Amino acid sequence: VEALHPTPAVGGVPRQFALDFLSEHEALERGWYAGPLGWYDAAGDGEFWVGLRSGVFSGNEAHLFAGAGIVRGSETESEFAETEVKLTSLLRALGIA
């Protein structure tokens, strides 16, 4: 999991510099946000994807995460709109939106 999490599109490159920067400048812990999700079986077959929607629940509180993989050529406005759509889907699933 450490080799896959976080993906460079979400965590940044060079890896250690980006992770140190995020740790210093973000006010919250990302946890498993954007971590690898998926399955594999005894034959070694499986599929994995990046979890760009997630939540951490504790009692009656929820911290929701949604984002996009930013790569060279990404357009800020469309990536932000994509993130809003993803967050709205989480809110709807919880009956909030």
PDB file of N, CA and C in Angstrom:
ATOM      1  N   VAL A   1       0.828  -1.187   0.000  1.00  0.00           N
ATOM      2  CA  VAL A   1       0.000   0.000   0.000  1.00  0.00           C
ATOM      3  C   VAL A   1       0.873   1.252   0.000  1.00  0.00           C
ATOM      4  N   GLU A   2       1.963   1.244   0.739  1.00  0.00           N
ATOM      5  CA  GLU A   2       2.825   2.429   0.777  1.00  0.00           C
ATOM      6  C   GLU A   2       3.335   2.815  -0.604  1.00  0.00           C
ATOM      7  N   ALA A   3       3.585   1.828  -1.458  1.00  0.00           N
ATOM      8  CA  ALA A   3       4.082   2.119  -2.803  1.00  0.00           C
ATOM      9  C   ALA A   3       3.013   2.768  -3.666  1.00  0.00           C
ATOM     10  N   LEU A   4       1.740   2.552  -3.336  1.00  0.00           N
ATOM     11  CA  LEU A   4       0.638   3.063  -4.151  1.00  0.00           C
ATOM     12  C   LEU A   4      -0.025   4.307  -3.573  1.00  0.00           C
ATOM     13  N   HIS A   5       0.205   4.589  -2.306  1.00  0.00           N
ATOM     14  CA  HIS A   5      -0.542   5.659  -1.642  1.00  0.00           C
ATOM     15  C   HIS A   5       0.385   6.737  -1.104  1.00  0.00           C
ATOM     16  N   PRO A   6       0.145   7.995  -1.384  1.00  0.00           N
ATOM     17  CA  PRO A   6      -0.844   8.462  -2.347  1.00  0.00           C
ATOM     18  C   PRO A   6      -0.286   8.442  -3.765  1.00  0.00           C
ATOM     19  N   THR A   7      -1.185   8.359  -4.706  1.00  0.00           N
ATOM     20  CA  THR A   7      -0.783   8.421  -6.103  1.00  0.00           C
ATOM     21  C   THR A   7      -0.125   9.771  -6.377  1.00  0.00           C
ATOM     22  N   PRO A   8       0.863   9.845  -7.242  1.00  0.00           N
ATOM     23  CA  PRO A   8       1.518  11.127  -7.532  1.00  0.00           C
ATOM     24  C   PRO A   8       0.550  12.215  -8.002  1.00  0.00           C
ATOM     25  N   ALA A   9      -0.539  11.838  -8.674  1.00  0.00           N
ATOM     26  CA  ALA A   9      -1.499  12.835  -9.155  1.00  0.00           C
ATOM     27  C   ALA A   9      -2.216  13.533  -8.012  1.00  0.00           C
ATOM     28  N   VAL A  10      -2.265  12.906  -6.854  1.00  0.00           N
ATOM     29  CA  VAL A  10      -2.931  13.492  -5.693  1.00  0.00           C
ATOM     30  C   VAL A  10      -1.924  13.965  -4.651  1.00  0.00           C
ATOM     31  N   GLY A  11      -0.849  13.220  -4.469  1.00  0.00           N
ATOM     32  CA  GLY A  11       0.147  13.571  -3.464  1.00  0.00           C
ATOM     33  C   GLY A  11       1.213  14.512  -3.970  1.00  0.00           C
ATOM     34  N   GLY A  12       1.605  14.352  -5.232  1.00  0.00           N
ATOM     35  CA  GLY A  12       2.612  15.216  -5.826  1.00  0.00           C
ATOM     36  C   GLY A  12       3.939  14.511  -6.076  1.00  0.00           C
ATOM     37  N   VAL A  13       4.780  15.185  -6.825  1.00  0.00           N
ATOM     38  CA  VAL A  13       6.137  14.712  -7.116  1.00  0.00           C
ATOM     39  C   VAL A  13       7.085  15.891  -7.041  1.00  0.00           C
ATOM     40  N   PRO A  14       8.320  15.701  -6.660  1.00  0.00           N
ATOM     41  CA  PRO A  14       8.853  14.444  -6.147  1.00  0.00           C
ATOM     42  C   PRO A  14       8.147  14.051  -4.854  1.00  0.00           C
ATOM     43  N   ARG A  15       7.961  12.778  -4.680  1.00  0.00           N
ATOM     44  CA  ARG A  15       7.102  12.223  -3.634  1.00  0.00           C
ATOM     45  C   ARG A  15       7.395  12.774  -2.238  1.00  0.00           C
ATOM     46  N   GLN A  16       8.596  12.608  -1.746  1.00  0.00           N
ATOM     47  CA  GLN A  16       8.881  13.001  -0.364  1.00  0.00           C
ATOM     48  C   GLN A  16       8.745  14.507  -0.167  1.00  0.00           C
ATOM     49  N   PHE A  17       9.205  15.295  -1.128  1.00  0.00           N
ATOM     50  CA  PHE A  17       9.059  16.749  -1.042  1.00  0.00           C
ATOM     51  C   PHE A  17       7.584  17.121  -0.963  1.00  0.00           C
ATOM     52  N   ALA A  18       6.769  16.508  -1.836  1.00  0.00           N
ATOM     53  CA  ALA A  18       5.338  16.817  -1.871  1.00  0.00           C
ATOM     54  C   ALA A  18       4.660  16.415  -0.566  1.00  0.00           C
ATOM     55  N   LEU A  19       4.974  15.236  -0.056  1.00  0.00           N
ATOM     56  CA  LEU A  19       4.352  14.790   1.192  1.00  0.00           C
ATOM     57  C   LEU A  19       4.757  15.663   2.369  1.00  0.00           C
ATOM     58  N   ASP A  20       6.015  16.075   2.405  1.00  0.00           N
ATOM     59  CA  ASP A  20       6.466  16.994   3.460  1.00  0.00           C
ATOM     60  C   ASP A  20       5.735  18.331   3.357  1.00  0.00           C
ATOM     61  N   PHE A  21       5.573  18.844   2.138  1.00  0.00           N
ATOM     62  CA  PHE A  21       4.869  20.107   1.917  1.00  0.00           C
ATOM     63  C   PHE A  21       3.425  20.000   2.403  1.00  0.00           C
ATOM     64  N   LEU A  22       2.725  18.924   2.022  1.00  0.00           N
ATOM     65  CA  LEU A  22       1.336  18.746   2.440  1.00  0.00           C
ATOM     66  C   LEU A  22       1.232  18.646   3.957  1.00  0.00           C
ATOM     67  N   SER A  23       2.135  17.918   4.557  1.00  0.00           N
ATOM     68  CA  SER A  23       2.127  17.763   6.011  1.00  0.00           C
ATOM     69  C   SER A  23       2.307  19.103   6.714  1.00  0.00           C
ATOM     70  N   GLU A  24       3.147  19.951   6.156  1.00  0.00           N
ATOM     71  CA  GLU A  24       3.425  21.255   6.757  1.00  0.00           C
ATOM     72  C   GLU A  24       2.313  22.269   6.511  1.00  0.00           C
ATOM     73  N   HIS A  25       1.621  22.198   5.366  1.00  0.00           N
ATOM     74  CA  HIS A  25       0.689  23.247   4.974  1.00  0.00           C
ATOM     75  C   HIS A  25      -0.794  22.889   5.078  1.00  0.00           C
ATOM     76  N   GLU A  26      -1.134  21.626   5.190  1.00  0.00           N
ATOM     77  CA  GLU A  26      -2.543  21.271   5.327  1.00  0.00           C
ATOM     78  C   GLU A  26      -2.899  21.170   6.799  1.00  0.00           C
ATOM     79  N   ALA A  27      -4.100  21.628   7.129  1.00  0.00           N
ATOM     80  CA  ALA A  27      -4.525  21.661   8.525  1.00  0.00           C
ATOM     81  C   ALA A  27      -5.135  20.337   8.986  1.00  0.00           C
ATOM     82  N   LEU A  28      -5.256  19.369   8.105  1.00  0.00           N
ATOM     83  CA  LEU A  28      -5.876  18.110   8.485  1.00  0.00           C
ATOM     84  C   LEU A  28      -5.077  16.934   7.944  1.00  0.00           C
ATOM     85  N   GLU A  29      -5.330  15.795   8.522  1.00  0.00           N
ATOM     86  CA  GLU A  29      -4.691  14.557   8.092  1.00  0.00           C
ATOM     87  C   GLU A  29      -5.560  13.918   7.012  1.00  0.00           C
ATOM     88  N   ARG A  30      -4.995  13.624   5.859  1.00  0.00           N
ATOM     89  CA  ARG A  30      -5.755  13.029   4.762  1.00  0.00           C
ATOM     90  C   ARG A  30      -6.145  11.583   5.024  1.00  0.00           C
ATOM     91  N   GLY A  31      -5.431  10.896   5.877  1.00  0.00           N
ATOM     92  CA  GLY A  31      -5.743   9.497   6.145  1.00  0.00           C
ATOM     93  C   GLY A  31      -5.659   8.663   4.875  1.00  0.00           C
ATOM     94  N   TRP A  32      -6.716   7.898   4.619  1.00  0.00           N
ATOM     95  CA  TRP A  32      -6.730   7.035   3.437  1.00  0.00           C
ATOM     96  C   TRP A  32      -7.343   7.708   2.224  1.00  0.00           C
ATOM     97  N   TYR A  33      -7.607   9.018   2.298  1.00  0.00           N
ATOM     98  CA  TYR A  33      -8.125   9.716   1.123  1.00  0.00           C
ATOM     99  C   TYR A  33      -7.195   9.468  -0.053  1.00  0.00           C
ATOM    100  N   ALA A  34      -7.766   9.134  -1.179  1.00  0.00           N
ATOM    101  CA  ALA A  34      -7.050   8.866  -2.429  1.00  0.00           C
ATOM    102  C   ALA A  34      -6.177   7.619  -2.355  1.00  0.00           C
ATOM    103  N   GLY A  35      -6.463   6.769  -1.389  1.00  0.00           N
ATOM    104  CA  GLY A  35      -5.725   5.516  -1.280  1.00  0.00           C
ATOM    105  C   GLY A  35      -6.219   4.492  -2.278  1.00  0.00           C
ATOM    106  N   PRO A  36      -5.452   3.432  -2.462  1.00  0.00           N
ATOM    107  CA  PRO A  36      -5.863   2.384  -3.396  1.00  0.00           C
ATOM    108  C   PRO A  36      -7.013   1.566  -2.814  1.00  0.00           C
ATOM    109  N   LEU A  37      -8.062   1.406  -3.585  1.00  0.00           N
ATOM    110  CA  LEU A  37      -9.214   0.591  -3.205  1.00  0.00           C
ATOM    111  C   LEU A  37      -9.377  -0.497  -4.252  1.00  0.00           C
ATOM    112  N   GLY A  38      -9.807  -1.651  -3.830  1.00  0.00           N
ATOM    113  CA  GLY A  38     -10.024  -2.698  -4.810  1.00  0.00           C
ATOM    114  C   GLY A  38     -10.038  -4.075  -4.197  1.00  0.00           C
ATOM    115  N   TRP A  39      -9.769  -5.052  -5.038  1.00  0.00           N
ATOM    116  CA  TRP A  39      -9.826  -6.434  -4.606  1.00  0.00           C
ATOM    117  C   TRP A  39      -8.831  -7.269  -5.404  1.00  0.00           C
ATOM    118  N   TYR A  40      -8.467  -8.396  -4.839  1.00  0.00           N
ATOM    119  CA  TYR A  40      -7.744  -9.413  -5.591  1.00  0.00           C
ATOM    120  C   TYR A  40      -8.085 -10.768  -4.987  1.00  0.00           C
ATOM    121  N   ASP A  41      -7.968 -11.813  -5.806  1.00  0.00           N
ATOM    122  CA  ASP A  41      -8.327 -13.146  -5.345  1.00  0.00           C
ATOM    123  C   ASP A  41      -7.096 -14.041  -5.236  1.00  0.00           C
ATOM    124  N   ALA A  42      -7.322 -15.291  -4.875  1.00  0.00           N
ATOM    125  CA  ALA A  42      -6.219 -16.232  -4.664  1.00  0.00           C
ATOM    126  C   ALA A  42      -5.400 -16.462  -5.926  1.00  0.00           C
ATOM    127  N   ALA A  43      -6.001 -16.257  -7.096  1.00  0.00           N
ATOM    128  CA  ALA A  43      -5.283 -16.434  -8.364  1.00  0.00           C
ATOM    129  C   ALA A  43      -4.460 -15.203  -8.723  1.00  0.00           C
ATOM    130  N   GLY A  44      -4.587 -14.149  -7.920  1.00  0.00           N
ATOM    131  CA  GLY A  44      -3.853 -12.917  -8.196  1.00  0.00           C
ATOM    132  C   GLY A  44      -4.582 -11.969  -9.123  1.00  0.00           C
ATOM    133  N   ASP A  45      -5.819 -12.308  -9.495  1.00  0.00           N
ATOM    134  CA  ASP A  45      -6.623 -11.417 -10.332  1.00  0.00           C
ATOM    135  C   ASP A  45      -7.254 -10.350  -9.456  1.00  0.00           C
ATOM    136  N   GLY A  46      -7.413  -9.165 -10.000  1.00  0.00           N
ATOM    137  CA  GLY A  46      -8.045  -8.109  -9.236  1.00  0.00           C
ATOM    138  C   GLY A  46      -8.059  -6.799  -9.972  1.00  0.00           C
ATOM    139  N   GLU A  47      -8.624  -5.823  -9.322  1.00  0.00           N
ATOM    140  CA  GLU A  47      -8.702  -4.464  -9.857  1.00  0.00           C
ATOM    141  C   GLU A  47      -8.527  -3.488  -8.703  1.00  0.00           C
ATOM    142  N   PHE A  48      -7.843  -2.386  -8.988  1.00  0.00           N
ATOM    143  CA  PHE A  48      -7.679  -1.328  -7.997  1.00  0.00           C
ATOM    144  C   PHE A  48      -7.935   0.016  -8.644  1.00  0.00           C
ATOM    145  N   TRP A  49      -8.346   0.978  -7.868  1.00  0.00           N
ATOM    146  CA  TRP A  49      -8.598   2.329  -8.337  1.00  0.00           C
ATOM    147  C   TRP A  49      -8.258   3.294  -7.207  1.00  0.00           C
ATOM    148  N   VAL A  50      -8.231   4.563  -7.526  1.00  0.00           N
ATOM    149  CA  VAL A  50      -7.916   5.598  -6.538  1.00  0.00           C
ATOM    150  C   VAL A  50      -9.217   6.096  -5.920  1.00  0.00           C
ATOM    151  N   GLY A  51      -9.297   6.063  -4.600  1.00  0.00           N
ATOM    152  CA  GLY A  51     -10.501   6.494  -3.890  1.00  0.00           C
ATOM    153  C   GLY A  51     -10.555   8.006  -3.744  1.00  0.00           C
ATOM    154  N   LEU A  52     -11.107   8.685  -4.759  1.00  0.00           N
ATOM    155  CA  LEU A  52     -11.187  10.150  -4.719  1.00  0.00           C
ATOM    156  C   LEU A  52     -12.423  10.662  -3.988  1.00  0.00           C
ATOM    157  N   ARG A  53     -13.234   9.755  -3.454  1.00  0.00           N
ATOM    158  CA  ARG A  53     -14.348  10.116  -2.583  1.00  0.00           C
ATOM    159  C   ARG A  53     -14.219   9.248  -1.338  1.00  0.00           C
ATOM    160  N   SER A  54     -14.256   9.874  -0.178  1.00  0.00           N
ATOM    161  CA  SER A  54     -14.179   9.077   1.047  1.00  0.00           C
ATOM    162  C   SER A  54     -14.699   9.888   2.225  1.00  0.00           C
ATOM    163  N   GLY A  55     -14.841   9.220   3.351  1.00  0.00           N
ATOM    164  CA  GLY A  55     -15.281   9.891   4.558  1.00  0.00           C
ATOM    165  C   GLY A  55     -14.762   9.177   5.784  1.00  0.00           C
ATOM    166  N   VAL A  56     -14.569   9.935   6.837  1.00  0.00           N
ATOM    167  CA  VAL A  56     -14.196   9.383   8.132  1.00  0.00           C
ATOM    168  C   VAL A  56     -15.333   9.745   9.078  1.00  0.00           C
ATOM    169  N   PHE A  57     -15.902   8.733   9.725  1.00  0.00           N
ATOM    170  CA  PHE A  57     -17.060   8.937  10.577  1.00  0.00           C
ATOM    171  C   PHE A  57     -16.701   8.633  12.020  1.00  0.00           C
ATOM    172  N   SER A  58     -17.147   9.524  12.909  1.00  0.00           N
ATOM    173  CA  SER A  58     -16.928   9.343  14.335  1.00  0.00           C
ATOM    174  C   SER A  58     -18.140   9.900  15.066  1.00  0.00           C
ATOM    175  N   GLY A  59     -18.896   9.013  15.691  1.00  0.00           N
ATOM    176  CA  GLY A  59     -20.109   9.459  16.360  1.00  0.00           C
ATOM    177  C   GLY A  59     -21.060  10.100  15.367  1.00  0.00           C
ATOM    178  N   ASN A  60     -21.467  11.344  15.661  1.00  0.00           N
ATOM    179  CA  ASN A  60     -22.379  12.038  14.750  1.00  0.00           C
ATOM    180  C   ASN A  60     -21.651  13.024  13.843  1.00  0.00           C
ATOM    181  N   GLU A  61     -20.350  12.864  13.684  1.00  0.00           N
ATOM    182  CA  GLU A  61     -19.567  13.730  12.802  1.00  0.00           C
ATOM    183  C   GLU A  61     -19.025  12.948  11.620  1.00  0.00           C
ATOM    184  N   ALA A  62     -18.927  13.648  10.503  1.00  0.00           N
ATOM    185  CA  ALA A  62     -18.330  13.055   9.307  1.00  0.00           C
ATOM    186  C   ALA A  62     -17.395  14.076   8.674  1.00  0.00           C
ATOM    187  N   HIS A  63     -16.220  13.633   8.319  1.00  0.00           N
ATOM    188  CA  HIS A  63     -15.273  14.448   7.561  1.00  0.00           C
ATOM    189  C   HIS A  63     -15.216  13.835   6.178  1.00  0.00           C
ATOM    190  N   LEU A  64     -15.704  14.582   5.180  1.00  0.00           N
ATOM    191  CA  LEU A  64     -15.790  14.068   3.820  1.00  0.00           C
ATOM    192  C   LEU A  64     -14.655  14.611   2.974  1.00  0.00           C
ATOM    193  N   PHE A  65     -14.169  13.774   2.088  1.00  0.00           N
ATOM    194  CA  PHE A  65     -13.066  14.140   1.204  1.00  0.00           C
ATOM    195  C   PHE A  65     -13.467  13.851  -0.234  1.00  0.00           C
ATOM    196  N   ALA A  66     -13.176  14.777  -1.106  1.00  0.00           N
ATOM    197  CA  ALA A  66     -13.388  14.577  -2.539  1.00  0.00           C
ATOM    198  C   ALA A  66     -12.330  15.390  -3.263  1.00  0.00           C
ATOM    199  N   GLY A  67     -11.864  14.878  -4.352  1.00  0.00           N
ATOM    200  CA  GLY A  67     -10.827  15.598  -5.080  1.00  0.00           C
ATOM    201  C   GLY A  67     -10.636  15.051  -6.470  1.00  0.00           C
ATOM    202  N   ALA A  68      -9.612  15.547  -7.104  1.00  0.00           N
ATOM    203  CA  ALA A  68      -9.292  15.143  -8.467  1.00  0.00           C
ATOM    204  C   ALA A  68      -7.792  14.952  -8.578  1.00  0.00           C
ATOM    205  N   GLY A  69      -7.394  14.102  -9.481  1.00  0.00           N
ATOM    206  CA  GLY A  69      -5.974  13.927  -9.758  1.00  0.00           C
ATOM    207  C   GLY A  69      -5.505  15.050 -10.665  1.00  0.00           C
ATOM    208  N   ILE A  70      -4.602  15.870 -10.188  1.00  0.00           N
ATOM    209  CA  ILE A  70      -4.109  17.010 -10.956  1.00  0.00           C
ATOM    210  C   ILE A  70      -2.815  16.603 -11.648  1.00  0.00           C
ATOM    211  N   VAL A  71      -2.819  16.730 -12.944  1.00  0.00           N
ATOM    212  CA  VAL A  71      -1.645  16.390 -13.747  1.00  0.00           C
ATOM    213  C   VAL A  71      -1.356  17.542 -14.704  1.00  0.00           C
ATOM    214  N   ARG A  72      -0.218  17.483 -15.349  1.00  0.00           N
ATOM    215  CA  ARG A  72       0.125  18.515 -16.323  1.00  0.00           C
ATOM    216  C   ARG A  72      -1.006  18.618 -17.349  1.00  0.00           C
ATOM    217  N   GLY A  73      -1.441  19.824 -17.609  1.00  0.00           N
ATOM    218  CA  GLY A  73      -2.521  20.052 -18.557  1.00  0.00           C
ATOM    219  C   GLY A  73      -3.901  20.113 -17.925  1.00  0.00           C
ATOM    220  N   SER A  74      -4.003  19.822 -16.632  1.00  0.00           N
ATOM    221  CA  SER A  74      -5.301  19.914 -15.962  1.00  0.00           C
ATOM    222  C   SER A  74      -5.782  21.357 -15.983  1.00  0.00           C
ATOM    223  N   GLU A  75      -7.090  21.535 -16.123  1.00  0.00           N
ATOM    224  CA  GLU A  75      -7.692  22.867 -16.113  1.00  0.00           C
ATOM    225  C   GLU A  75      -8.348  23.094 -14.756  1.00  0.00           C
ATOM    226  N   THR A  76      -7.935  24.148 -14.079  1.00  0.00           N
ATOM    227  CA  THR A  76      -8.364  24.424 -12.713  1.00  0.00           C
ATOM    228  C   THR A  76      -9.880  24.409 -12.568  1.00  0.00           C
ATOM    229  N   GLU A  77     -10.579  25.122 -13.429  1.00  0.00           N
ATOM    230  CA  GLU A  77     -12.032  25.249 -13.297  1.00  0.00           C
ATOM    231  C   GLU A  77     -12.734  23.904 -13.449  1.00  0.00           C
ATOM    232  N   SER A  78     -12.321  23.105 -14.423  1.00  0.00           N
ATOM    233  CA  SER A  78     -12.988  21.818 -14.631  1.00  0.00           C
ATOM    234  C   SER A  78     -12.650  20.833 -13.510  1.00  0.00           C
ATOM    235  N   GLU A  79     -11.439  20.885 -12.989  1.00  0.00           N
ATOM    236  CA  GLU A  79     -11.072  20.006 -11.876  1.00  0.00           C
ATOM    237  C   GLU A  79     -11.854  20.381 -10.622  1.00  0.00           C
ATOM    238  N   PHE A  80     -12.035  21.683 -10.380  1.00  0.00           N
ATOM    239  CA  PHE A  80     -12.805  22.124  -9.224  1.00  0.00           C
ATOM    240  C   PHE A  80     -14.261  21.694  -9.368  1.00  0.00           C
ATOM    241  N   ALA A  81     -14.833  21.853 -10.566  1.00  0.00           N
ATOM    242  CA  ALA A  81     -16.216  21.436 -10.806  1.00  0.00           C
ATOM    243  C   ALA A  81     -16.367  19.930 -10.590  1.00  0.00           C
ATOM    244  N   GLU A  82     -15.387  19.150 -11.047  1.00  0.00           N
ATOM    245  CA  GLU A  82     -15.411  17.699 -10.852  1.00  0.00           C
ATOM    246  C   GLU A  82     -15.396  17.357  -9.366  1.00  0.00           C
ATOM    247  N   THR A  83     -14.603  18.082  -8.601  1.00  0.00           N
ATOM    248  CA  THR A  83     -14.522  17.846  -7.161  1.00  0.00           C
ATOM    249  C   THR A  83     -15.854  18.157  -6.489  1.00  0.00           C
ATOM    250  N   GLU A  84     -16.506  19.235  -6.904  1.00  0.00           N
ATOM    251  CA  GLU A  84     -17.813  19.580  -6.335  1.00  0.00           C
ATOM    252  C   GLU A  84     -18.845  18.492  -6.616  1.00  0.00           C
ATOM    253  N   VAL A  85     -18.837  17.942  -7.822  1.00  0.00           N
ATOM    254  CA  VAL A  85     -19.764  16.864  -8.176  1.00  0.00           C
ATOM    255  C   VAL A  85     -19.518  15.649  -7.283  1.00  0.00           C
ATOM    256  N   LYS A  86     -18.262  15.312  -7.080  1.00  0.00           N
ATOM    257  CA  LYS A  86     -17.927  14.157  -6.239  1.00  0.00           C
ATOM    258  C   LYS A  86     -18.362  14.378  -4.791  1.00  0.00           C
ATOM    259  N   LEU A  87     -18.125  15.564  -4.257  1.00  0.00           N
ATOM    260  CA  LEU A  87     -18.531  15.847  -2.885  1.00  0.00           C
ATOM    261  C   LEU A  87     -20.052  15.825  -2.760  1.00  0.00           C
ATOM    262  N   THR A  88     -20.746  16.360  -3.735  1.00  0.00           N
ATOM    263  CA  THR A  88     -22.208  16.355  -3.713  1.00  0.00           C
ATOM    264  C   THR A  88     -22.751  14.933  -3.689  1.00  0.00           C
ATOM    265  N   SER A  89     -22.102  14.013  -4.407  1.00  0.00           N
ATOM    266  CA  SER A  89     -22.569  12.620  -4.390  1.00  0.00           C
ATOM    267  C   SER A  89     -22.444  12.020  -2.988  1.00  0.00           C
ATOM    268  N   LEU A  90     -21.403  12.388  -2.257  1.00  0.00           N
ATOM    269  CA  LEU A  90     -21.267  11.916  -0.875  1.00  0.00           C
ATOM    270  C   LEU A  90     -22.356  12.514   0.012  1.00  0.00           C
ATOM    271  N   LEU A  91     -22.602  13.799  -0.152  1.00  0.00           N
ATOM    272  CA  LEU A  91     -23.641  14.461   0.641  1.00  0.00           C
ATOM    273  C   LEU A  91     -25.012  13.853   0.359  1.00  0.00           C
ATOM    274  N   ARG A  92     -25.295  13.551  -0.899  1.00  0.00           N
ATOM    275  CA  ARG A  92     -26.575  12.914  -1.252  1.00  0.00           C
ATOM    276  C   ARG A  92     -26.691  11.529  -0.626  1.00  0.00           C
ATOM    277  N   ALA A  93     -25.603  10.781  -0.647  1.00  0.00           N
ATOM    278  CA  ALA A  93     -25.624   9.440  -0.055  1.00  0.00           C
ATOM    279  C   ALA A  93     -25.945   9.502   1.435  1.00  0.00           C
ATOM    280  N   LEU A  94     -25.572  10.592   2.079  1.00  0.00           N
ATOM    281  CA  LEU A  94     -25.856  10.779   3.500  1.00  0.00           C
ATOM    282  C   LEU A  94     -27.191  11.480   3.742  1.00  0.00           C
ATOM    283  N   GLY A  95     -27.898  11.827   2.665  1.00  0.00           N
ATOM    284  CA  GLY A  95     -29.182  12.496   2.785  1.00  0.00           C
ATOM    285  C   GLY A  95     -29.078  13.957   3.158  1.00  0.00           C
ATOM    286  N   ILE A  96     -27.934  14.580   2.870  1.00  0.00           N
ATOM    287  CA  ILE A  96     -27.703  15.977   3.240  1.00  0.00           C
ATOM    288  C   ILE A  96     -27.959  16.920   2.077  1.00  0.00           C
ATOM    289  N   ALA A  97     -27.694  16.504   0.871  1.00  0.00           N
ATOM    290  CA  ALA A  97     -27.859  17.389  -0.298  1.00  0.00           C
ATOM    291  C   ALA A  97     -29.049  16.960  -1.122  1.00  0.00           C
TER     292      ALA A  97
END
